[in-house]
Protein backbone atom coordinates (compact mmCIF):
# COMPACT_ATOMS: atom_id res chain seq x y z
CA UNK A 1 5.72 14.33 -5.21
CA UNK A 2 8.32 11.97 -3.82
CA UNK A 3 11.59 12.52 -5.71
CA UNK A 4 13.49 9.77 -3.93
CA UNK A 5 13.66 6.72 -6.18
CA UNK A 6 14.78 4.32 -3.51
CA UNK A 7 12.77 3.79 -0.30
CA UNK A 8 13.77 1.19 2.31
CA UNK A 9 16.24 -0.22 -0.20
CA UNK A 10 13.48 -0.71 -2.83
CA UNK A 11 13.71 0.91 -6.25
CA UNK A 12 10.23 2.40 -6.47
CA UNK A 13 10.49 2.73 -10.25
CA UNK A 14 10.75 -1.06 -10.50
CA UNK A 15 7.90 -1.99 -8.17
CA UNK A 16 5.86 -4.87 -9.50
CA UNK A 17 2.31 -4.23 -10.71
CA UNK A 18 0.00 -7.25 -10.66
CA UNK A 19 -2.19 -8.00 -13.61
CA UNK A 20 -5.90 -7.96 -12.97
CA UNK A 21 -6.32 -11.75 -13.41
CA UNK A 22 -3.42 -12.35 -11.01
CA UNK A 23 -4.79 -10.26 -8.15
CA UNK A 24 -7.75 -12.31 -7.11
CA UNK A 25 -5.99 -15.65 -7.57
CA UNK A 26 -3.05 -14.59 -5.42
CA UNK A 27 -5.35 -13.11 -2.75
CA UNK A 28 -7.39 -16.32 -2.51
CA UNK A 29 -4.25 -18.43 -2.18
CA UNK A 30 -2.75 -16.00 0.39
CA UNK A 31 -5.95 -16.21 2.46
CA UNK A 32 -5.69 -20.04 2.32
CA UNK A 33 -2.20 -19.84 3.89
CA UNK A 34 0.09 -19.93 0.90
CA UNK A 35 3.03 -17.86 2.13
CA UNK A 36 4.55 -17.50 -1.38
CA UNK A 37 1.28 -16.10 -2.78
CA UNK A 38 1.01 -13.79 0.21
CA UNK A 39 4.51 -12.43 -0.26
CA UNK A 40 3.91 -11.90 -4.01
CA UNK A 41 0.58 -10.20 -3.27
CA UNK A 42 2.29 -7.84 -0.79
CA UNK A 43 5.04 -6.97 -3.22
CA UNK A 44 2.44 -6.40 -5.96
CA UNK A 45 0.72 -3.86 -3.81
CA UNK A 46 3.69 -1.79 -2.68
CA UNK A 47 2.84 0.91 -5.22
CA UNK A 48 -0.44 1.30 -3.40
CA UNK A 49 1.47 2.01 -0.18
CA UNK A 50 3.73 4.44 -2.06
CA UNK A 51 0.73 6.36 -3.38
CA UNK A 52 -0.63 6.76 0.16
CA UNK A 53 2.74 7.83 1.56
CA UNK A 54 2.87 10.66 -1.03
CA UNK A 55 -0.07 12.25 0.79
CA UNK A 56 2.15 12.75 3.85
CA UNK A 57 5.17 14.02 1.98
CA UNK A 58 4.95 17.60 3.22
CA UNK A 59 5.07 16.74 6.94
CA UNK A 60 8.88 16.51 7.19
CA UNK A 61 8.72 12.83 8.23
CA UNK A 62 11.25 10.23 7.17
CA UNK A 63 9.81 8.59 4.06
CA UNK A 64 11.43 5.24 4.79
CA UNK A 65 9.64 5.15 8.14
CA UNK A 66 6.26 6.05 6.68
CA UNK A 67 6.70 3.49 3.92
CA UNK A 68 7.46 0.74 6.45
CA UNK A 69 4.49 1.75 8.56
CA UNK A 70 2.32 1.82 5.44
CA UNK A 71 3.42 -1.73 4.59
CA UNK A 72 2.18 -2.82 8.09
CA UNK A 73 -1.19 -1.35 7.18
CA UNK A 74 -1.13 -3.22 3.82
CA UNK A 75 -0.40 -6.54 5.58
CA UNK A 76 -3.22 -5.91 8.06
CA UNK A 77 -5.56 -5.18 5.16
CA UNK A 78 -4.61 -8.40 3.45
CA UNK A 79 -5.09 -10.43 6.62
CA UNK A 80 -8.50 -8.85 7.42
CA UNK A 81 -9.99 -8.53 3.93
CA UNK A 82 -13.18 -10.45 3.47
CA UNK A 83 -13.34 -12.06 0.00
CA UNK A 84 -17.05 -12.57 0.27
CA UNK A 85 -17.69 -8.80 0.28
CA UNK A 86 -18.22 -7.05 -3.07
CA UNK A 87 -15.44 -4.55 -2.44
CA UNK A 88 -12.19 -3.91 -4.30
CA UNK A 89 -9.15 -4.69 -2.22
CA UNK A 90 -7.60 -1.24 -2.84
CA UNK A 91 -10.78 0.39 -1.63
CA UNK A 92 -10.49 -1.49 1.66
CA UNK A 93 -6.71 -1.30 1.91
CA UNK A 94 -6.15 2.46 1.46
CA UNK A 95 -7.99 3.57 4.67
CA UNK A 96 -6.15 0.84 6.57
CA UNK A 97 -2.76 2.11 5.31
CA UNK A 98 -3.69 5.72 6.06
CA UNK A 99 -4.88 4.73 9.57
CA UNK A 100 -1.69 2.95 10.33
CA UNK A 101 0.41 6.00 9.19
CA UNK A 102 -1.75 8.40 11.18
CA UNK A 103 -1.40 6.22 14.30
CA UNK A 104 2.38 6.34 13.82
CA UNK A 105 2.32 10.15 13.45
CA UNK A 106 0.14 10.50 16.54
CA UNK A 107 2.44 8.32 18.66
CA UNK A 108 5.45 10.35 17.56
CA UNK A 109 3.77 13.69 18.01
CA UNK A 110 5.61 16.33 20.11
CA UNK A 111 2.29 17.20 21.85
CA UNK A 112 1.72 15.11 24.96
CA UNK A 113 -1.72 13.60 25.50
CA UNK A 114 -2.73 11.86 28.71
CA UNK A 115 -2.54 8.10 28.87
CA UNK A 116 -6.28 7.77 29.65
CA UNK A 117 -7.24 9.79 26.53
CA UNK A 118 -4.85 7.72 24.42
CA UNK A 119 -6.35 4.45 25.79
CA UNK A 120 -9.81 5.61 24.85
CA UNK A 121 -8.65 6.74 21.38
CA UNK A 122 -6.84 3.46 20.69
CA UNK A 123 -9.77 1.41 21.86
CA UNK A 124 -11.98 3.45 19.60
CA UNK A 125 -9.79 2.76 16.57
CA UNK A 126 -9.71 -0.95 17.40
CA UNK A 127 -13.50 -1.13 17.72
CA UNK A 128 -13.82 0.93 14.54
CA UNK A 129 -11.52 -1.33 12.60
CA UNK A 130 -13.31 -4.53 13.85
CA UNK A 131 -16.70 -3.06 13.00
CA UNK A 132 -15.62 -2.00 9.47
CA UNK A 133 -14.14 -5.45 8.88
CA UNK A 134 -17.40 -7.08 9.74
CA UNK A 135 -19.90 -4.57 8.37
CA UNK A 136 -17.97 -2.64 5.67
CA UNK A 137 -19.23 0.63 7.26
CA UNK A 138 -18.21 2.87 10.08
CA UNK A 139 -19.80 2.56 13.56
CA UNK A 140 -21.53 5.47 15.28
CA UNK A 141 -19.93 7.32 18.17
CA UNK A 142 -22.82 6.03 20.33
CA UNK A 143 -21.93 2.42 19.44
CA UNK A 144 -18.22 2.94 20.19
CA UNK A 145 -18.96 4.68 23.55
CA UNK A 146 -21.26 1.80 24.60
CA UNK A 147 -18.60 -0.77 23.67
CA UNK A 148 -15.90 1.03 25.67
CA UNK A 149 -18.29 1.96 28.51
CA UNK A 150 -17.64 5.70 28.53
CA UNK A 151 -19.82 8.74 27.66
CA UNK A 152 -19.79 9.55 23.91
CA UNK A 153 -18.39 13.03 24.77
CA UNK A 154 -15.23 11.34 26.07
CA UNK A 155 -14.83 9.38 22.84
CA UNK A 156 -15.13 12.56 20.79
CA UNK A 157 -12.71 14.44 23.08
CA UNK A 158 -10.19 11.60 22.98
CA UNK A 159 -10.25 11.48 19.15
CA UNK A 160 -9.86 15.24 18.85
CA UNK A 161 -6.95 15.29 21.38
CA UNK A 162 -4.78 13.05 19.14
CA UNK A 163 -5.55 14.65 15.80
CA UNK A 164 -2.56 15.78 13.74
CA UNK A 165 -1.42 19.30 14.54
CA UNK A 166 -1.28 21.98 11.87
CA UNK A 167 1.30 24.75 11.62
CA UNK A 168 -0.03 28.29 11.83
CA UNK A 169 2.10 29.02 8.82
CA UNK A 170 0.79 26.14 6.64
CA UNK A 171 -0.56 27.68 3.38
CA UNK A 172 -4.26 27.10 2.81
CA UNK A 173 -4.81 29.13 -0.36
CA UNK A 174 -2.70 30.53 -3.16
CA UNK A 175 -4.07 32.20 -6.28
CA UNK A 176 -0.66 32.75 -7.77
CA UNK A 177 0.13 35.76 -5.60
CA UNK A 178 0.71 35.97 -1.86
CA UNK A 179 -0.30 32.77 -0.05
CA UNK A 180 -2.91 32.82 2.72
CA UNK A 181 -1.80 30.93 5.84
CA UNK A 182 -3.68 29.35 8.80
CA UNK A 183 -2.54 32.23 10.98
CA UNK A 184 -4.43 34.62 8.71
CA UNK A 185 -7.70 32.81 9.52
CA UNK A 186 -7.24 33.09 13.28
CA UNK A 187 -8.98 35.76 15.28
CA UNK A 188 -6.79 37.44 17.86
CA UNK A 189 -8.84 38.25 20.96
CA UNK A 190 -5.78 38.99 23.22
CA UNK A 191 -3.40 40.88 20.98
CA UNK A 192 -5.72 43.84 20.48
CA UNK A 193 -4.62 47.42 20.00
CA UNK A 194 -4.45 48.30 23.73
CA UNK A 195 -1.95 45.51 24.26
CA UNK A 196 0.61 46.41 21.58
CA UNK A 197 -0.12 49.85 20.14
CA UNK A 198 1.87 51.81 22.74
CA UNK A 199 4.37 53.54 20.49
CA UNK A 200 3.76 57.06 19.27
CA UNK A 201 5.80 56.36 16.15
CA UNK A 202 3.67 53.40 15.37
CA UNK A 203 0.51 55.34 15.89
CA UNK A 204 1.67 58.15 13.59
CA UNK A 205 2.72 55.57 10.93
CA UNK A 206 -0.75 54.05 10.96
CA UNK A 207 -2.34 57.47 10.60
CA UNK A 208 -0.40 57.95 7.31
CA UNK A 209 -2.12 54.93 5.72
CA UNK A 210 -4.83 55.66 3.19
CA UNK A 211 -8.29 54.19 2.59
CA UNK A 212 -8.56 50.39 2.65
CA UNK A 213 -5.13 49.76 4.06
CA UNK A 214 -5.87 51.82 7.17
CA UNK A 215 -9.34 50.28 7.49
CA UNK A 216 -7.89 46.73 7.20
CA UNK A 217 -5.21 47.38 9.85
CA UNK A 218 -7.80 48.85 12.16
CA UNK A 219 -10.19 45.87 11.76
CA UNK A 220 -7.40 43.28 11.95
CA UNK A 221 -5.36 44.61 14.84
CA UNK A 222 -7.60 47.04 16.73
CA UNK A 223 -10.75 44.83 16.53
CA UNK A 224 -9.11 41.45 16.28
CA UNK A 225 -11.01 40.26 13.20
CA UNK A 226 -9.90 37.49 10.81
CA UNK A 227 -9.09 38.24 7.20
CA UNK A 228 -12.33 36.48 6.12
CA UNK A 229 -14.36 38.67 8.46
CA UNK A 230 -12.57 41.79 7.11
CA UNK A 231 -13.19 40.66 3.51
CA UNK A 232 -16.94 40.20 4.20
CA UNK A 233 -17.19 43.60 5.90
CA UNK A 234 -15.47 45.70 3.22
CA UNK A 235 -16.64 43.62 0.23
CA UNK A 236 -13.43 42.31 -1.29
CA UNK A 237 -11.81 38.89 -1.43
CA UNK A 238 -9.67 37.41 1.33
CA UNK A 239 -6.73 37.30 -1.07
CA UNK A 240 -7.05 41.06 -1.61
CA UNK A 241 -7.23 41.65 2.14
CA UNK A 242 -4.05 39.59 2.57
CA UNK A 243 -2.20 41.67 -0.07
CA UNK A 244 -3.43 45.02 1.27
CA UNK A 245 -2.59 44.03 4.85
CA UNK A 246 0.95 42.98 3.82
CA UNK A 247 1.47 46.26 1.93
CA UNK A 248 0.24 48.25 4.91
CA UNK A 249 2.50 46.45 7.35
CA UNK A 250 5.47 46.95 5.04
CA UNK A 251 4.71 50.71 4.93
CA UNK A 252 4.42 50.85 8.72
CA UNK A 253 7.75 49.10 9.14
CA UNK A 254 9.48 51.48 6.67
CA UNK A 255 8.00 54.51 8.45
CA UNK A 256 9.22 53.49 11.93
CA UNK A 257 12.58 51.99 10.91
């Protein structure tokens, strides 16, 4: 939830909300070129932008920047919306706003992607937007690849290469106890026992573990299994595996400290 009341100099608690009978009339006049109706319609939909920005609140991005970028998406949606289609404006606008914010986040990502892949990805999004505007549905990968003139595999690879990154320590589950993080779902093929279990004290500490804790440590760090795989193998939940693993590691640390 965004706690900041003011974004880009706008008091969000005082944002205008258009009445139902106003919306269509203003949109029609805006599409006809009435700049006053267009401006009023934009202001009347800023809460829609704010609701989308809230989805990106946990990324550590500047909210003012995201709000401004979202407003660009809103304006694009107003300019491209087809009144003849039986679709609510908000239904059409939200994906446009999200797309604009995601493009901004991709462009400002710390991970570098080659220019050729970016070009294919941006062309893909442009073709996708144009197709949705005309047909109110998404095009197939085959259609996009044909329009760009590249194999469909390159389109898929380009799109995947600019997807938002996820922290290994982003929580993916919490039942009120210890959270389960992305890193807990990752199988470790390289950091197996022979690569890090080279301390006699550590070996002896592991030997002191009892029952499930010892079994879990063996499966996780000697055999490189994920917590989900361990849970399936020993017949308990992943949350239980996470707790038992944490307890076991705490005991190991105490024994060798």
